[in-house]
Amino acid sequence: MVHHTPDPGRAVREIARALKPGAPLLLYVYEDFSDRSLLWRAALAAANSVRAITTRMRPSHLMRVCRLLSPVVYVLCTLPSRHFSWAKRFPYRHGPHAFGMVGDLYDRLSAPIEFRYSRDGAAALASDAGLNVQSVGQQRGWVVRATKPA
């Protein structure tokens, strides 16, 4: 959740400080879509513009909006990702049925702070904190595996 903090670099440095020497860190941050097409980047910009409204809503009202959007996200994202290879990289998490609230729809629309990273930016969060980066993989965002030097 460091991508929802005011200073993600500082948050990772504090996590690294608290790790024992040789201890592993698994860090997940949202992808910035910099390596995706213009269409993907435009879709992200549109989704983020909605957050200007949703972050000002009462939590109960936002939950109602998410319940209404849940079937839409399911049809537009979940179903295609299960049946088409072009949809496998959709950046969402959603429940197993159209009205399930398992997933990150509320999280994405409610968080007032959200930083996104390129692959290199995600790795830099760990290396700038003094950690040894082993790998950076993509899992609907960037997953950085790193360890604290012994």
Protein backbone atom coordinates (compact mmCIF):
# COMPACT_ATOMS: atom_id res chain seq x y z
CA MET A 1 0.00 0.00 0.00
CA VAL A 2 3.00 2.35 -0.19
CA HIS A 3 1.53 3.76 -3.41
CA HIS A 4 -1.27 5.23 -1.27
CA THR A 5 1.07 7.08 1.11
CA PRO A 6 2.16 10.73 0.74
CA ASP A 7 5.83 9.69 0.29
CA PRO A 8 6.22 6.12 -1.01
CA GLY A 9 10.02 6.35 -1.07
CA ARG A 10 10.06 7.27 2.60
CA ALA A 11 7.64 4.44 3.40
CA VAL A 12 9.88 1.88 1.67
CA ARG A 13 12.98 3.28 3.41
CA GLU A 14 11.23 2.82 6.77
CA ILE A 15 10.23 -0.73 5.89
CA ALA A 16 13.82 -1.44 4.80
CA ARG A 17 15.16 0.04 8.05
CA ALA A 18 12.97 -2.31 10.08
CA LEU A 19 13.97 -5.44 8.12
CA LYS A 20 16.57 -7.78 9.57
CA PRO A 21 19.74 -8.17 7.47
CA GLY A 22 19.12 -10.74 4.74
CA ALA A 23 15.35 -10.46 5.14
CA PRO A 24 13.25 -10.46 1.96
CA LEU A 25 10.81 -7.78 0.88
CA LEU A 26 7.96 -8.25 -1.54
CA LEU A 27 6.72 -4.85 -2.70
CA TYR A 28 3.67 -4.26 -4.89
CA VAL A 29 2.90 -0.90 -6.55
CA TYR A 30 0.49 0.17 -9.24
CA GLU A 31 1.67 0.25 -12.84
CA ASP A 32 1.82 3.65 -14.60
CA PHE A 33 1.06 2.16 -18.07
CA SER A 34 4.14 3.85 -19.55
CA ASP A 35 4.93 0.69 -21.53
CA ARG A 36 1.37 0.31 -22.78
CA SER A 37 -0.39 1.82 -25.78
CA LEU A 38 -1.84 5.32 -25.92
CA LEU A 39 -5.32 3.79 -25.58
CA TRP A 40 -4.37 2.16 -22.23
CA ARG A 41 -2.84 5.39 -20.96
CA ALA A 42 -5.97 7.32 -21.95
CA ALA A 43 -8.16 4.75 -20.16
CA LEU A 44 -6.06 5.16 -17.01
CA ALA A 45 -6.30 8.95 -17.22
CA ALA A 46 -10.09 8.71 -17.56
CA ALA A 47 -10.36 6.36 -14.58
CA ASN A 48 -8.15 8.64 -12.49
CA SER A 49 -10.27 11.67 -13.40
CA VAL A 50 -13.30 9.91 -11.87
CA ARG A 51 -11.35 9.70 -8.61
CA ALA A 52 -11.48 13.51 -8.34
CA ILE A 53 -15.19 13.04 -7.61
CA THR A 54 -15.23 9.70 -5.78
CA THR A 55 -12.58 10.68 -3.22
CA ARG A 56 -14.91 13.44 -2.03
CA MET A 57 -17.90 11.13 -1.56
CA ARG A 58 -19.09 9.73 1.74
CA PRO A 59 -17.91 6.13 2.12
CA SER A 60 -21.48 4.81 2.22
CA HIS A 61 -22.35 6.64 -1.01
CA LEU A 62 -19.19 5.45 -2.70
CA MET A 63 -20.00 1.87 -1.69
CA ARG A 64 -23.39 2.22 -3.39
CA VAL A 65 -21.70 3.50 -6.55
CA CYS A 66 -19.28 0.56 -6.44
CA ARG A 67 -22.17 -1.86 -6.08
CA LEU A 68 -23.73 -0.33 -9.22
CA LEU A 69 -20.40 -0.43 -11.11
CA SER A 70 -19.55 -3.96 -10.03
CA PRO A 71 -21.61 -5.71 -12.76
CA VAL A 72 -20.21 -3.32 -15.39
CA VAL A 73 -16.61 -4.08 -14.37
CA TYR A 74 -17.43 -7.77 -14.34
CA VAL A 75 -18.82 -7.72 -17.90
CA LEU A 76 -16.18 -5.39 -19.36
CA CYS A 77 -13.12 -6.77 -17.55
CA THR A 78 -13.62 -10.07 -15.75
CA LEU A 79 -15.38 -12.00 -18.49
CA PRO A 80 -13.03 -10.91 -21.32
CA SER A 81 -9.96 -11.70 -19.18
CA ARG A 82 -11.21 -15.25 -18.73
CA HIS A 83 -11.82 -15.87 -22.41
CA PHE A 84 -9.48 -13.69 -24.51
CA SER A 85 -5.69 -13.44 -24.46
CA TRP A 86 -5.82 -9.70 -25.26
CA ALA A 87 -7.62 -9.11 -21.96
CA LYS A 88 -5.20 -11.00 -19.69
CA ARG A 89 -3.34 -7.82 -18.68
CA PHE A 90 -6.44 -5.93 -17.54
CA PRO A 91 -5.41 -4.06 -14.35
CA TYR A 92 -8.28 -4.96 -12.08
CA ARG A 93 -9.31 -7.45 -9.46
CA HIS A 94 -12.86 -8.57 -9.23
CA GLY A 95 -14.99 -11.22 -7.61
CA PRO A 96 -16.21 -14.42 -9.17
CA HIS A 97 -19.66 -13.04 -10.01
CA ALA A 98 -21.21 -9.81 -11.26
CA PHE A 99 -22.46 -8.59 -7.90
CA GLY A 100 -19.47 -9.56 -5.79
CA MET A 101 -17.65 -6.79 -4.00
CA VAL A 102 -14.47 -8.81 -3.60
CA GLY A 103 -11.74 -6.89 -5.38
CA ASP A 104 -10.32 -3.44 -5.51
CA LEU A 105 -13.04 -1.27 -7.07
CA TYR A 106 -13.70 0.59 -3.80
CA ASP A 107 -9.96 0.86 -3.10
CA ARG A 108 -9.26 2.35 -6.51
CA LEU A 109 -12.03 4.92 -6.24
CA SER A 110 -11.65 5.91 -2.58
CA ALA A 111 -7.94 6.45 -2.04
CA PRO A 112 -7.12 10.19 -2.13
CA ILE A 113 -3.44 9.48 -2.88
CA GLU A 114 -2.24 7.15 -5.61
CA PHE A 115 1.24 6.96 -7.09
CA ARG A 116 1.97 4.78 -10.11
CA TYR A 117 5.29 3.44 -11.31
CA SER A 118 7.14 2.22 -14.36
CA ARG A 119 9.11 -1.02 -14.05
CA ASP A 120 12.30 0.96 -13.40
CA GLY A 121 10.55 3.29 -10.95
CA ALA A 122 9.25 0.33 -8.95
CA ALA A 123 12.75 -1.16 -8.76
CA ALA A 124 14.16 2.22 -7.74
CA LEU A 125 11.84 2.38 -4.73
CA ALA A 126 13.62 -0.68 -3.32
CA SER A 127 17.15 0.08 -4.47
CA ASP A 128 16.96 3.70 -3.24
CA ALA A 129 16.03 2.27 0.17
CA GLY A 130 19.29 0.29 0.18
CA LEU A 131 17.75 -3.05 -0.77
CA ASN A 132 19.13 -5.53 -3.29
CA VAL A 133 16.56 -5.98 -6.06
CA GLN A 134 16.29 -9.58 -7.27
CA SER A 135 13.42 -9.21 -9.73
CA VAL A 136 10.57 -7.03 -10.91
CA GLY A 137 7.56 -8.87 -12.30
CA GLN A 138 4.17 -7.80 -13.47
CA GLN A 139 1.03 -8.91 -11.66
CA ARG A 140 -1.59 -6.22 -12.43
CA GLY A 141 1.09 -3.86 -11.17
CA TRP A 142 4.78 -4.26 -10.36
CA VAL A 143 5.99 -6.83 -7.85
CA VAL A 144 9.51 -6.13 -6.65
CA ARG A 145 11.43 -8.85 -4.86
CA ALA A 146 14.33 -7.51 -2.85
CA THR A 147 16.40 -8.32 0.22
CA LYS A 148 18.13 -6.28 2.86
CA PRO A 149 21.91 -6.66 2.57
CA ALA A 150 23.46 -8.80 5.28
